[in-house]
Amino acid sequence: MPARMLQYVAALYDHLLRSKAVNAAEGLPPVLPIVLYNGDIRNLADAIAHSPFKQRIDRVVTRWIKHRLQRKMPGLAVPDAEELTKGMEMLETNIDRRKAQTIANGMQQVKPCCCNDC
């Protein structure tokens, strides 16, 4: 992952220079890559729930989310960590339901072979 992040930053800098969005003589903007977990939501939630640092993690993540959202949408009321995570179970259920529907739709579109040898 660190090598991939380095590639992403290098590609960003290359794009900025080629598109002349920045002047190399003035320097390139600093980039702070942040990697967010993209695995099974339940595994991460369980790990955080059982962590002795849960309150601190919730506070830091909530502060970061609020900061990012308020920069984009000043005056937006952002709920606290507990409120933000209330919808997690519903989100997981919807993801699981959508995945099952996609699989079912894919199976309906597969037509049997006509040669009877398969």
PDB file of N, CA and C in Angstrom:
ATOM      1  N   MET A   1       0.814  -1.202   0.000  1.00  0.00           N
ATOM      2  CA  MET A   1       0.000   0.000   0.000  1.00  0.00           C
ATOM      3  C   MET A   1       0.859   1.269   0.000  1.00  0.00           C
ATOM      4  N   PRO A   2       1.951   1.347   0.767  1.00  0.00           N
ATOM      5  CA  PRO A   2       2.764   2.568   0.709  1.00  0.00           C
ATOM      6  C   PRO A   2       3.305   2.854  -0.695  1.00  0.00           C
ATOM      7  N   ALA A   3       3.726   1.805  -1.409  1.00  0.00           N
ATOM      8  CA  ALA A   3       4.234   2.005  -2.773  1.00  0.00           C
ATOM      9  C   ALA A   3       3.116   2.486  -3.697  1.00  0.00           C
ATOM     10  N   ARG A   4       1.913   1.942  -3.523  1.00  0.00           N
ATOM     11  CA  ARG A   4       0.784   2.367  -4.345  1.00  0.00           C
ATOM     12  C   ARG A   4       0.436   3.830  -4.070  1.00  0.00           C
ATOM     13  N   MET A   5       0.455   4.217  -2.800  1.00  0.00           N
ATOM     14  CA  MET A   5       0.168   5.618  -2.452  1.00  0.00           C
ATOM     15  C   MET A   5       1.212   6.540  -3.079  1.00  0.00           C
ATOM     16  N   LEU A   6       2.470   6.111  -3.068  1.00  0.00           N
ATOM     17  CA  LEU A   6       3.533   6.900  -3.690  1.00  0.00           C
ATOM     18  C   LEU A   6       3.269   7.073  -5.178  1.00  0.00           C
ATOM     19  N   GLN A   7       2.811   5.999  -5.835  1.00  0.00           N
ATOM     20  CA  GLN A   7       2.478   6.084  -7.256  1.00  0.00           C
ATOM     21  C   GLN A   7       1.338   7.075  -7.496  1.00  0.00           C
ATOM     22  N   TYR A   8       0.326   7.044  -6.628  1.00  0.00           N
ATOM     23  CA  TYR A   8      -0.804   7.968  -6.779  1.00  0.00           C
ATOM     24  C   TYR A   8      -0.355   9.418  -6.640  1.00  0.00           C
ATOM     25  N   VAL A   9       0.475   9.682  -5.651  1.00  0.00           N
ATOM     26  CA  VAL A   9       0.956  11.049  -5.441  1.00  0.00           C
ATOM     27  C   VAL A   9       1.812  11.483  -6.634  1.00  0.00           C
ATOM     28  N   ALA A  10       2.680  10.585  -7.107  1.00  0.00           N
ATOM     29  CA  ALA A  10       3.521  10.905  -8.269  1.00  0.00           C
ATOM     30  C   ALA A  10       2.660  11.183  -9.497  1.00  0.00           C
ATOM     31  N   ALA A  11       1.607  10.389  -9.693  1.00  0.00           N
ATOM     32  CA  ALA A  11       0.706  10.604 -10.829  1.00  0.00           C
ATOM     33  C   ALA A  11      -0.022  11.939 -10.706  1.00  0.00           C
ATOM     34  N   LEU A  12      -0.418  12.297  -9.498  1.00  0.00           N
ATOM     35  CA  LEU A  12      -1.061  13.594  -9.277  1.00  0.00           C
ATOM     36  C   LEU A  12      -0.102  14.728  -9.624  1.00  0.00           C
ATOM     37  N   TYR A  13       1.127  14.639  -9.116  1.00  0.00           N
ATOM     38  CA  TYR A  13       2.117  15.677  -9.412  1.00  0.00           C
ATOM     39  C   TYR A  13       2.390  15.758 -10.913  1.00  0.00           C
ATOM     40  N   ASP A  14       2.500  14.616 -11.576  1.00  0.00           N
ATOM     41  CA  ASP A  14       2.729  14.592 -13.012  1.00  0.00           C
ATOM     42  C   ASP A  14       1.586  15.285 -13.745  1.00  0.00           C
ATOM     43  N   HIS A  15       0.360  14.979 -13.344  1.00  0.00           N
ATOM     44  CA  HIS A  15      -0.813  15.609 -13.968  1.00  0.00           C
ATOM     45  C   HIS A  15      -0.806  17.130 -13.744  1.00  0.00           C
ATOM     46  N   LEU A  16      -0.509  17.549 -12.522  1.00  0.00           N
ATOM     47  CA  LEU A  16      -0.487  18.990 -12.229  1.00  0.00           C
ATOM     48  C   LEU A  16       0.553  19.711 -13.069  1.00  0.00           C
ATOM     49  N   LEU A  17       1.718  19.096 -13.238  1.00  0.00           N
ATOM     50  CA  LEU A  17       2.785  19.722 -14.024  1.00  0.00           C
ATOM     51  C   LEU A  17       2.455  19.733 -15.510  1.00  0.00           C
ATOM     52  N   ARG A  18       1.960  18.610 -16.025  1.00  0.00           N
ATOM     53  CA  ARG A  18       1.640  18.526 -17.462  1.00  0.00           C
ATOM     54  C   ARG A  18       0.490  19.467 -17.843  1.00  0.00           C
ATOM     55  N   SER A  19      -0.477  19.613 -16.955  1.00  0.00           N
ATOM     56  CA  SER A  19      -1.621  20.483 -17.247  1.00  0.00           C
ATOM     57  C   SER A  19      -1.322  21.939 -16.909  1.00  0.00           C
ATOM     58  N   LYS A  20      -0.103  22.176 -16.415  1.00  0.00           N
ATOM     59  CA  LYS A  20       0.340  23.526 -16.044  1.00  0.00           C
ATOM     60  C   LYS A  20      -0.543  24.160 -14.975  1.00  0.00           C
ATOM     61  N   ALA A  21      -1.116  23.298 -14.118  1.00  0.00           N
ATOM     62  CA  ALA A  21      -1.935  23.781 -13.007  1.00  0.00           C
ATOM     63  C   ALA A  21      -1.042  24.367 -11.914  1.00  0.00           C
ATOM     64  N   VAL A  22       0.220  23.937 -11.890  1.00  0.00           N
ATOM     65  CA  VAL A  22       1.199  24.482 -10.950  1.00  0.00           C
ATOM     66  C   VAL A  22       2.498  24.750 -11.703  1.00  0.00           C
ATOM     67  N   ASN A  23       3.312  25.597 -11.109  1.00  0.00           N
ATOM     68  CA  ASN A  23       4.610  25.910 -11.682  1.00  0.00           C
ATOM     69  C   ASN A  23       5.655  25.186 -10.847  1.00  0.00           C
ATOM     70  N   ALA A  24       6.482  24.370 -11.489  1.00  0.00           N
ATOM     71  CA  ALA A  24       7.477  23.580 -10.765  1.00  0.00           C
ATOM     72  C   ALA A  24       8.438  24.467  -9.983  1.00  0.00           C
ATOM     73  N   ALA A  25       8.713  25.648 -10.495  1.00  0.00           N
ATOM     74  CA  ALA A  25       9.632  26.563  -9.811  1.00  0.00           C
ATOM     75  C   ALA A  25       9.050  27.043  -8.478  1.00  0.00           C
ATOM     76  N   GLU A  26       7.726  27.112  -8.392  1.00  0.00           N
ATOM     77  CA  GLU A  26       7.060  27.548  -7.160  1.00  0.00           C
ATOM     78  C   GLU A  26       6.879  26.404  -6.180  1.00  0.00           C
ATOM     79  N   GLY A  27       7.075  25.189  -6.649  1.00  0.00           N
ATOM     80  CA  GLY A  27       6.930  24.023  -5.783  1.00  0.00           C
ATOM     81  C   GLY A  27       5.588  23.355  -5.962  1.00  0.00           C
ATOM     82  N   LEU A  28       5.562  22.120  -5.564  1.00  0.00           N
ATOM     83  CA  LEU A  28       4.338  21.331  -5.664  1.00  0.00           C
ATOM     84  C   LEU A  28       3.578  21.392  -4.338  1.00  0.00           C
ATOM     85  N   PRO A  29       2.259  21.251  -4.391  1.00  0.00           N
ATOM     86  CA  PRO A  29       1.483  21.297  -3.152  1.00  0.00           C
ATOM     87  C   PRO A  29       1.760  20.055  -2.302  1.00  0.00           C
ATOM     88  N   PRO A  30       1.715  20.208  -0.993  1.00  0.00           N
ATOM     89  CA  PRO A  30       1.885  19.017  -0.137  1.00  0.00           C
ATOM     90  C   PRO A  30       0.677  18.098  -0.272  1.00  0.00           C
ATOM     91  N   VAL A  31       0.914  16.816  -0.166  1.00  0.00           N
ATOM     92  CA  VAL A  31      -0.154  15.818  -0.246  1.00  0.00           C
ATOM     93  C   VAL A  31      -0.037  14.916   0.970  1.00  0.00           C
ATOM     94  N   LEU A  32      -1.142  14.728   1.662  1.00  0.00           N
ATOM     95  CA  LEU A  32      -1.189  13.812   2.797  1.00  0.00           C
ATOM     96  C   LEU A  32      -2.124  12.667   2.429  1.00  0.00           C
ATOM     97  N   PRO A  33      -1.564  11.545   1.969  1.00  0.00           N
ATOM     98  CA  PRO A  33      -2.433  10.418   1.608  1.00  0.00           C
ATOM     99  C   PRO A  33      -3.038   9.785   2.854  1.00  0.00           C
ATOM    100  N   ILE A  34      -4.311   9.459   2.775  1.00  0.00           N
ATOM    101  CA  ILE A  34      -5.011   8.788   3.861  1.00  0.00           C
ATOM    102  C   ILE A  34      -5.666   7.544   3.282  1.00  0.00           C
ATOM    103  N   VAL A  35      -5.430   6.406   3.905  1.00  0.00           N
ATOM    104  CA  VAL A  35      -6.012   5.156   3.446  1.00  0.00           C
ATOM    105  C   VAL A  35      -7.163   4.803   4.378  1.00  0.00           C
ATOM    106  N   LEU A  36      -8.336   4.614   3.794  1.00  0.00           N
ATOM    107  CA  LEU A  36      -9.501   4.199   4.565  1.00  0.00           C
ATOM    108  C   LEU A  36      -9.756   2.724   4.321  1.00  0.00           C
ATOM    109  N   TYR A  37     -10.129   2.024   5.359  1.00  0.00           N
ATOM    110  CA  TYR A  37     -10.395   0.593   5.279  1.00  0.00           C
ATOM    111  C   TYR A  37     -11.536   0.328   4.318  1.00  0.00           C
ATOM    112  N   ASN A  38     -11.349  -0.645   3.422  1.00  0.00           N
ATOM    113  CA  ASN A  38     -12.363  -0.936   2.416  1.00  0.00           C
ATOM    114  C   ASN A  38     -12.787  -2.402   2.458  1.00  0.00           C
ATOM    115  N   GLY A  39     -12.591  -3.048   3.585  1.00  0.00           N
ATOM    116  CA  GLY A  39     -12.956  -4.454   3.709  1.00  0.00           C
ATOM    117  C   GLY A  39     -14.362  -4.595   4.257  1.00  0.00           C
ATOM    118  N   ASP A  40     -14.624  -5.739   4.859  1.00  0.00           N
ATOM    119  CA  ASP A  40     -15.929  -6.024   5.427  1.00  0.00           C
ATOM    120  C   ASP A  40     -16.207  -5.010   6.543  1.00  0.00           C
ATOM    121  N   ILE A  41     -17.241  -4.246   6.397  1.00  0.00           N
ATOM    122  CA  ILE A  41     -17.593  -3.177   7.357  1.00  0.00           C
ATOM    123  C   ILE A  41     -17.730  -3.725   8.765  1.00  0.00           C
ATOM    124  N   ARG A  42     -18.295  -4.956   8.894  1.00  0.00           N
ATOM    125  CA  ARG A  42     -18.507  -5.545  10.222  1.00  0.00           C
ATOM    126  C   ARG A  42     -17.194  -5.838  10.929  1.00  0.00           C
ATOM    127  N   ASN A  43     -16.161  -6.289  10.190  1.00  0.00           N
ATOM    128  CA  ASN A  43     -14.870  -6.579  10.814  1.00  0.00           C
ATOM    129  C   ASN A  43     -14.269  -5.323  11.427  1.00  0.00           C
ATOM    130  N   LEU A  44     -14.312  -4.233  10.695  1.00  0.00           N
ATOM    131  CA  LEU A  44     -13.765  -2.980  11.208  1.00  0.00           C
ATOM    132  C   LEU A  44     -14.584  -2.496  12.402  1.00  0.00           C
ATOM    133  N   ALA A  45     -15.906  -2.546  12.285  1.00  0.00           N
ATOM    134  CA  ALA A  45     -16.763  -2.095  13.379  1.00  0.00           C
ATOM    135  C   ALA A  45     -16.528  -2.921  14.638  1.00  0.00           C
ATOM    136  N   ASP A  46     -16.373  -4.239  14.484  1.00  0.00           N
ATOM    137  CA  ASP A  46     -16.101  -5.101  15.638  1.00  0.00           C
ATOM    138  C   ASP A  46     -14.750  -4.774  16.267  1.00  0.00           C
ATOM    139  N   ALA A  47     -13.743  -4.559  15.420  1.00  0.00           N
ATOM    140  CA  ALA A  47     -12.406  -4.236  15.934  1.00  0.00           C
ATOM    141  C   ALA A  47     -12.433  -2.933  16.715  1.00  0.00           C
ATOM    142  N   ILE A  48     -13.124  -1.937  16.201  1.00  0.00           N
ATOM    143  CA  ILE A  48     -13.212  -0.646  16.899  1.00  0.00           C
ATOM    144  C   ILE A  48     -14.031  -0.782  18.175  1.00  0.00           C
ATOM    145  N   ALA A  49     -15.135  -1.520  18.092  1.00  0.00           N
ATOM    146  CA  ALA A  49     -16.012  -1.692  19.262  1.00  0.00           C
ATOM    147  C   ALA A  49     -15.279  -2.344  20.430  1.00  0.00           C
ATOM    148  N   HIS A  50     -14.322  -3.217  20.152  1.00  0.00           N
ATOM    149  CA  HIS A  50     -13.591  -3.920  21.207  1.00  0.00           C
ATOM    150  C   HIS A  50     -12.247  -3.282  21.530  1.00  0.00           C
ATOM    151  N   SER A  51     -11.942  -2.179  20.888  1.00  0.00           N
ATOM    152  CA  SER A  51     -10.668  -1.508  21.122  1.00  0.00           C
ATOM    153  C   SER A  51     -10.730  -0.682  22.408  1.00  0.00           C
ATOM    154  N   PRO A  52      -9.635  -0.678  23.176  1.00  0.00           N
ATOM    155  CA  PRO A  52      -9.608   0.186  24.366  1.00  0.00           C
ATOM    156  C   PRO A  52      -9.563   1.671  23.977  1.00  0.00           C
ATOM    157  N   PHE A  53      -9.322   1.943  22.690  1.00  0.00           N
ATOM    158  CA  PHE A  53      -9.233   3.325  22.214  1.00  0.00           C
ATOM    159  C   PHE A  53     -10.494   3.756  21.454  1.00  0.00           C
ATOM    160  N   LYS A  54     -11.603   3.016  21.642  1.00  0.00           N
ATOM    161  CA  LYS A  54     -12.822   3.285  20.881  1.00  0.00           C
ATOM    162  C   LYS A  54     -13.282   4.741  20.973  1.00  0.00           C
ATOM    163  N   GLN A  55     -13.340   5.284  22.166  1.00  0.00           N
ATOM    164  CA  GLN A  55     -13.807   6.666  22.317  1.00  0.00           C
ATOM    165  C   GLN A  55     -12.898   7.640  21.584  1.00  0.00           C
ATOM    166  N   ARG A  56     -11.604   7.402  21.675  1.00  0.00           N
ATOM    167  CA  ARG A  56     -10.657   8.295  20.994  1.00  0.00           C
ATOM    168  C   ARG A  56     -10.794   8.165  19.476  1.00  0.00           C
ATOM    169  N   ILE A  57     -10.925   6.935  18.982  1.00  0.00           N
ATOM    170  CA  ILE A  57     -11.097   6.714  17.546  1.00  0.00           C
ATOM    171  C   ILE A  57     -12.361   7.417  17.067  1.00  0.00           C
ATOM    172  N   ASP A  58     -13.470   7.226  17.787  1.00  0.00           N
ATOM    173  CA  ASP A  58     -14.729   7.881  17.421  1.00  0.00           C
ATOM    174  C   ASP A  58     -14.576   9.394  17.373  1.00  0.00           C
ATOM    175  N   ARG A  59     -13.919   9.945  18.383  1.00  0.00           N
ATOM    176  CA  ARG A  59     -13.750  11.398  18.475  1.00  0.00           C
ATOM    177  C   ARG A  59     -12.902  11.924  17.303  1.00  0.00           C
ATOM    178  N   VAL A  60     -11.795  11.238  17.004  1.00  0.00           N
ATOM    179  CA  VAL A  60     -10.901  11.692  15.929  1.00  0.00           C
ATOM    180  C   VAL A  60     -11.574  11.577  14.568  1.00  0.00           C
ATOM    181  N   VAL A  61     -12.229  10.444  14.317  1.00  0.00           N
ATOM    182  CA  VAL A  61     -12.899  10.249  13.025  1.00  0.00           C
ATOM    183  C   VAL A  61     -14.030  11.257  12.861  1.00  0.00           C
ATOM    184  N   THR A  62     -14.806  11.461  13.907  1.00  0.00           N
ATOM    185  CA  THR A  62     -15.898  12.431  13.840  1.00  0.00           C
ATOM    186  C   THR A  62     -15.363  13.837  13.593  1.00  0.00           C
ATOM    187  N   ARG A  63     -14.306  14.196  14.273  1.00  0.00           N
ATOM    188  CA  ARG A  63     -13.703  15.526  14.083  1.00  0.00           C
ATOM    189  C   ARG A  63     -13.234  15.692  12.642  1.00  0.00           C
ATOM    190  N   TRP A  64     -12.609  14.633  12.086  1.00  0.00           N
ATOM    191  CA  TRP A  64     -12.111  14.701  10.710  1.00  0.00           C
ATOM    192  C   TRP A  64     -13.276  14.841   9.727  1.00  0.00           C
ATOM    193  N   ILE A  65     -14.340  14.036   9.934  1.00  0.00           N
ATOM    194  CA  ILE A  65     -15.507  14.111   9.049  1.00  0.00           C
ATOM    195  C   ILE A  65     -16.143  15.498   9.121  1.00  0.00           C
ATOM    196  N   LYS A  66     -16.316  16.008  10.337  1.00  0.00           N
ATOM    197  CA  LYS A  66     -16.913  17.338  10.498  1.00  0.00           C
ATOM    198  C   LYS A  66     -16.076  18.405   9.798  1.00  0.00           C
ATOM    199  N   HIS A  67     -14.769  18.322   9.983  1.00  0.00           N
ATOM    200  CA  HIS A  67     -13.874  19.307   9.359  1.00  0.00           C
ATOM    201  C   HIS A  67     -14.014  19.272   7.839  1.00  0.00           C
ATOM    202  N   ARG A  68     -13.983  18.057   7.264  1.00  0.00           N
ATOM    203  CA  ARG A  68     -14.077  17.925   5.806  1.00  0.00           C
ATOM    204  C   ARG A  68     -15.433  18.416   5.288  1.00  0.00           C
ATOM    205  N   LEU A  69     -16.513  18.025   5.959  1.00  0.00           N
ATOM    206  CA  LEU A  69     -17.833  18.433   5.505  1.00  0.00           C
ATOM    207  C   LEU A  69     -18.060  19.926   5.672  1.00  0.00           C
ATOM    208  N   GLN A  70     -17.610  20.486   6.784  1.00  0.00           N
ATOM    209  CA  GLN A  70     -17.839  21.910   7.026  1.00  0.00           C
ATOM    210  C   GLN A  70     -17.009  22.787   6.092  1.00  0.00           C
ATOM    211  N   ARG A  71     -15.879  22.275   5.608  1.00  0.00           N
ATOM    212  CA  ARG A  71     -15.108  23.036   4.613  1.00  0.00           C
ATOM    213  C   ARG A  71     -15.860  23.089   3.295  1.00  0.00           C
ATOM    214  N   LYS A  72     -16.536  21.971   2.958  1.00  0.00           N
ATOM    215  CA  LYS A  72     -17.285  21.904   1.700  1.00  0.00           C
ATOM    216  C   LYS A  72     -18.656  22.560   1.816  1.00  0.00           C
ATOM    217  N   MET A  73     -19.270  22.434   3.006  1.00  0.00           N
ATOM    218  CA  MET A  73     -20.621  22.958   3.218  1.00  0.00           C
ATOM    219  C   MET A  73     -20.685  23.693   4.558  1.00  0.00           C
ATOM    220  N   PRO A  74     -20.187  24.927   4.590  1.00  0.00           N
ATOM    221  CA  PRO A  74     -20.180  25.677   5.856  1.00  0.00           C
ATOM    222  C   PRO A  74     -21.581  25.771   6.459  1.00  0.00           C
ATOM    223  N   GLY A  75     -21.642  25.613   7.771  1.00  0.00           N
ATOM    224  CA  GLY A  75     -22.910  25.713   8.473  1.00  0.00           C
ATOM    225  C   GLY A  75     -23.663  24.398   8.577  1.00  0.00           C
ATOM    226  N   LEU A  76     -23.164  23.357   7.935  1.00  0.00           N
ATOM    227  CA  LEU A  76     -23.814  22.058   7.983  1.00  0.00           C
ATOM    228  C   LEU A  76     -23.704  21.482   9.387  1.00  0.00           C
ATOM    229  N   ALA A  77     -24.818  21.019   9.935  1.00  0.00           N
ATOM    230  CA  ALA A  77     -24.809  20.381  11.253  1.00  0.00           C
ATOM    231  C   ALA A  77     -24.446  18.915  11.075  1.00  0.00           C
ATOM    232  N   VAL A  78     -23.310  18.513  11.639  1.00  0.00           N
ATOM    233  CA  VAL A  78     -22.839  17.135  11.514  1.00  0.00           C
ATOM    234  C   VAL A  78     -23.081  16.420  12.836  1.00  0.00           C
ATOM    235  N   PRO A  79     -23.755  15.275  12.790  1.00  0.00           N
ATOM    236  CA  PRO A  79     -24.034  14.551  14.033  1.00  0.00           C
ATOM    237  C   PRO A  79     -22.767  13.967  14.650  1.00  0.00           C
ATOM    238  N   ASP A  80     -22.869  13.539  15.914  1.00  0.00           N
ATOM    239  CA  ASP A  80     -21.719  12.947  16.590  1.00  0.00           C
ATOM    240  C   ASP A  80     -21.505  11.512  16.105  1.00  0.00           C
ATOM    241  N   ALA A  81     -20.429  10.864  16.595  1.00  0.00           N
ATOM    242  CA  ALA A  81     -20.047   9.528  16.120  1.00  0.00           C
ATOM    243  C   ALA A  81     -21.150   8.503  16.322  1.00  0.00           C
ATOM    244  N   GLU A  82     -21.815   8.546  17.466  1.00  0.00           N
ATOM    245  CA  GLU A  82     -22.880   7.567  17.740  1.00  0.00           C
ATOM    246  C   GLU A  82     -24.004   7.697  16.722  1.00  0.00           C
ATOM    247  N   GLU A  83     -24.369   8.920  16.418  1.00  0.00           N
ATOM    248  CA  GLU A  83     -25.433   9.164  15.449  1.00  0.00           C
ATOM    249  C   GLU A  83     -25.002   8.734  14.044  1.00  0.00           C
ATOM    250  N   LEU A  84     -23.730   8.983  13.710  1.00  0.00           N
ATOM    251  CA  LEU A  84     -23.226   8.614  12.392  1.00  0.00           C
ATOM    252  C   LEU A  84     -23.224   7.098  12.186  1.00  0.00           C
ATOM    253  N   THR A  85     -22.968   6.340  13.240  1.00  0.00           N
ATOM    254  CA  THR A  85     -22.866   4.885  13.106  1.00  0.00           C
ATOM    255  C   THR A  85     -24.198   4.165  13.279  1.00  0.00           C
ATOM    256  N   LYS A  86     -25.253   4.869  13.656  1.00  0.00           N
ATOM    257  CA  LYS A  86     -26.559   4.227  13.839  1.00  0.00           C
ATOM    258  C   LYS A  86     -27.044   3.566  12.558  1.00  0.00           C
ATOM    259  N   GLY A  87     -26.782   4.175  11.429  1.00  0.00           N
ATOM    260  CA  GLY A  87     -27.243   3.634  10.155  1.00  0.00           C
ATOM    261  C   GLY A  87     -26.379   2.525   9.603  1.00  0.00           C
ATOM    262  N   MET A  88     -25.306   2.151  10.292  1.00  0.00           N
ATOM    263  CA  MET A  88     -24.385   1.148   9.780  1.00  0.00           C
ATOM    264  C   MET A  88     -25.056  -0.198   9.545  1.00  0.00           C
ATOM    265  N   GLU A  89     -25.885  -0.627  10.493  1.00  0.00           N
ATOM    266  CA  GLU A  89     -26.552  -1.926  10.338  1.00  0.00           C
ATOM    267  C   GLU A  89     -27.482  -1.906   9.134  1.00  0.00           C
ATOM    268  N   MET A  90     -28.210  -0.800   8.953  1.00  0.00           N
ATOM    269  CA  MET A  90     -29.102  -0.685   7.812  1.00  0.00           C
ATOM    270  C   MET A  90     -28.290  -0.677   6.515  1.00  0.00           C
ATOM    271  N   LEU A  91     -27.155   0.006   6.516  1.00  0.00           N
ATOM    272  CA  LEU A  91     -26.285   0.044   5.345  1.00  0.00           C
ATOM    273  C   LEU A  91     -25.800  -1.362   4.992  1.00  0.00           C
ATOM    274  N   GLU A  92     -25.360  -2.115   5.998  1.00  0.00           N
ATOM    275  CA  GLU A  92     -24.897  -3.483   5.761  1.00  0.00           C
ATOM    276  C   GLU A  92     -26.020  -4.343   5.188  1.00  0.00           C
ATOM    277  N   THR A  93     -27.222  -4.199   5.733  1.00  0.00           N
ATOM    278  CA  THR A  93     -28.363  -4.967   5.247  1.00  0.00           C
ATOM    279  C   THR A  93     -28.655  -4.622   3.793  1.00  0.00           C
ATOM    280  N   ASN A  94     -28.637  -3.334   3.469  1.00  0.00           N
ATOM    281  CA  ASN A  94     -28.897  -2.910   2.090  1.00  0.00           C
ATOM    282  C   ASN A  94     -27.824  -3.411   1.130  1.00  0.00           C
ATOM    283  N   ILE A  95     -26.573  -3.396   1.571  1.00  0.00           N
ATOM    284  CA  ILE A  95     -25.479  -3.901   0.731  1.00  0.00           C
ATOM    285  C   ILE A  95     -25.666  -5.390   0.491  1.00  0.00           C
ATOM    286  N   ASP A  96     -25.965  -6.142   1.554  1.00  0.00           N
ATOM    287  CA  ASP A  96     -26.174  -7.585   1.413  1.00  0.00           C
ATOM    288  C   ASP A  96     -27.359  -7.884   0.493  1.00  0.00           C
ATOM    289  N   ARG A  97     -28.437  -7.127   0.633  1.00  0.00           N
ATOM    290  CA  ARG A  97     -29.622  -7.332  -0.202  1.00  0.00           C
ATOM    291  C   ARG A  97     -29.304  -7.035  -1.669  1.00  0.00           C
ATOM    292  N   ARG A  98     -28.593  -5.938  -1.916  1.00  0.00           N
ATOM    293  CA  ARG A  98     -28.234  -5.556  -3.284  1.00  0.00           C
ATOM    294  C   ARG A  98     -27.312  -6.601  -3.917  1.00  0.00           C
ATOM    295  N   LYS A  99     -26.383  -7.123  -3.131  1.00  0.00           N
ATOM    296  CA  LYS A  99     -25.468  -8.159  -3.622  1.00  0.00           C
ATOM    297  C   LYS A  99     -26.258  -9.404  -4.021  1.00  0.00           C
ATOM    298  N   ALA A 100     -27.206  -9.815  -3.184  1.00  0.00           N
ATOM    299  CA  ALA A 100     -28.025 -10.991  -3.489  1.00  0.00           C
ATOM    300  C   ALA A 100     -28.862 -10.759  -4.740  1.00  0.00           C
ATOM    301  N   GLN A 101     -29.421  -9.547  -4.898  1.00  0.00           N
ATOM    302  CA  GLN A 101     -30.217  -9.238  -6.092  1.00  0.00           C
ATOM    303  C   GLN A 101     -29.354  -9.277  -7.344  1.00  0.00           C
ATOM    304  N   THR A 102     -28.158  -8.762  -7.256  1.00  0.00           N
ATOM    305  CA  THR A 102     -27.246  -8.745  -8.401  1.00  0.00           C
ATOM    306  C   THR A 102     -26.892 -10.165  -8.818  1.00  0.00           C
ATOM    307  N   ILE A 103     -26.610 -11.017  -7.844  1.00  0.00           N
ATOM    308  CA  ILE A 103     -26.287 -12.415  -8.142  1.00  0.00           C
ATOM    309  C   ILE A 103     -27.488 -13.112  -8.773  1.00  0.00           C
ATOM    310  N   ALA A 104     -28.675 -12.881  -8.200  1.00  0.00           N
ATOM    311  CA  ALA A 104     -29.891 -13.508  -8.731  1.00  0.00           C
ATOM    312  C   ALA A 104     -30.156 -13.038 -10.155  1.00  0.00           C
ATOM    313  N   ASN A 105     -29.992 -11.747 -10.416  1.00  0.00           N
ATOM    314  CA  ASN A 105     -30.213 -11.218 -11.768  1.00  0.00           C
ATOM    315  C   ASN A 105     -29.200 -11.802 -12.749  1.00  0.00           C
ATOM    316  N   GLY A 106     -27.971 -11.957 -12.311  1.00  0.00           N
ATOM    317  CA  GLY A 106     -26.940 -12.534 -13.169  1.00  0.00           C
ATOM    318  C   GLY A 106     -27.248 -13.977 -13.522  1.00  0.00           C
ATOM    319  N   MET A 107     -27.769 -14.727 -12.567  1.00  0.00           N
ATOM    320  CA  MET A 107     -28.108 -16.130 -12.821  1.00  0.00           C
ATOM    321  C   MET A 107     -29.285 -16.249 -13.776  1.00  0.00           C
ATOM    322  N   GLN A 108     -30.230 -15.305 -13.711  1.00  0.00           N
ATOM    323  CA  GLN A 108     -31.382 -15.345 -14.601  1.00  0.00           C
ATOM    324  C   GLN A 108     -30.967 -15.057 -16.040  1.00  0.00           C
ATOM    325  N   GLN A 109     -29.890 -14.278 -16.217  1.00  0.00           N
ATOM    326  CA  GLN A 109     -29.458 -13.906 -17.557  1.00  0.00           C
ATOM    327  C   GLN A 109     -28.604 -14.987 -18.225  1.00  0.00           C
ATOM    328  N   VAL A 110     -28.092 -15.927 -17.448  1.00  0.00           N
ATOM    329  CA  VAL A 110     -27.293 -17.005 -18.011  1.00  0.00           C
ATOM    330  C   VAL A 110     -28.230 -18.020 -18.639  1.00  0.00           C
ATOM    331  N   LYS A 111     -28.030 -18.274 -19.914  1.00  0.00           N
ATOM    332  CA  LYS A 111     -28.901 -19.205 -20.631  1.00  0.00           C
ATOM    333  C   LYS A 111     -28.210 -20.564 -20.693  1.00  0.00           C
ATOM    334  N   PRO A 112     -28.977 -21.649 -20.569  1.00  0.00           N
ATOM    335  CA  PRO A 112     -28.380 -22.980 -20.637  1.00  0.00           C
ATOM    336  C   PRO A 112     -27.816 -23.238 -22.031  1.00  0.00           C
ATOM    337  N   CYS A 113     -26.800 -24.060 -22.071  1.00  0.00           N
ATOM    338  CA  CYS A 113     -26.165 -24.433 -23.326  1.00  0.00           C
ATOM    339  C   CYS A 113     -27.119 -25.344 -24.110  1.00  0.00           C
ATOM    340  N   CYS A 114     -27.145 -25.227 -25.419  1.00  0.00           N
ATOM    341  CA  CYS A 114     -28.073 -26.014 -26.241  1.00  0.00           C
ATOM    342  C   CYS A 114     -27.491 -27.356 -26.676  1.00  0.00           C
ATOM    343  N   CYS A 115     -26.223 -27.595 -26.420  1.00  0.00           N
ATOM    344  CA  CYS A 115     -25.598 -28.836 -26.914  1.00  0.00           C
ATOM    345  C   CYS A 115     -25.794 -30.021 -25.974  1.00  0.00           C
ATOM    346  N   ASN A 116     -26.269 -29.804 -24.755  1.00  0.00           N
ATOM    347  CA  ASN A 116     -26.512 -30.839 -23.750  1.00  0.00           C
ATOM    348  C   ASN A 116     -25.246 -31.599 -23.326  1.00  0.00           C
ATOM    349  N   ASP A 117     -24.073 -31.137 -23.729  1.00  0.00           N
ATOM    350  CA  ASP A 117     -22.818 -31.770 -23.309  1.00  0.00           C
ATOM    351  C   ASP A 117     -22.240 -31.090 -22.068  1.00  0.00           C
ATOM    352  N   CYS A 118     -22.751 -29.967 -21.684  1.00  0.00           N
ATOM    353  CA  CYS A 118     -22.171 -29.193 -20.580  1.00  0.00           C
ATOM    354  C   CYS A 118     -22.674 -29.655 -19.243  1.00  0.00           C
TER     355      CYS A 118
END
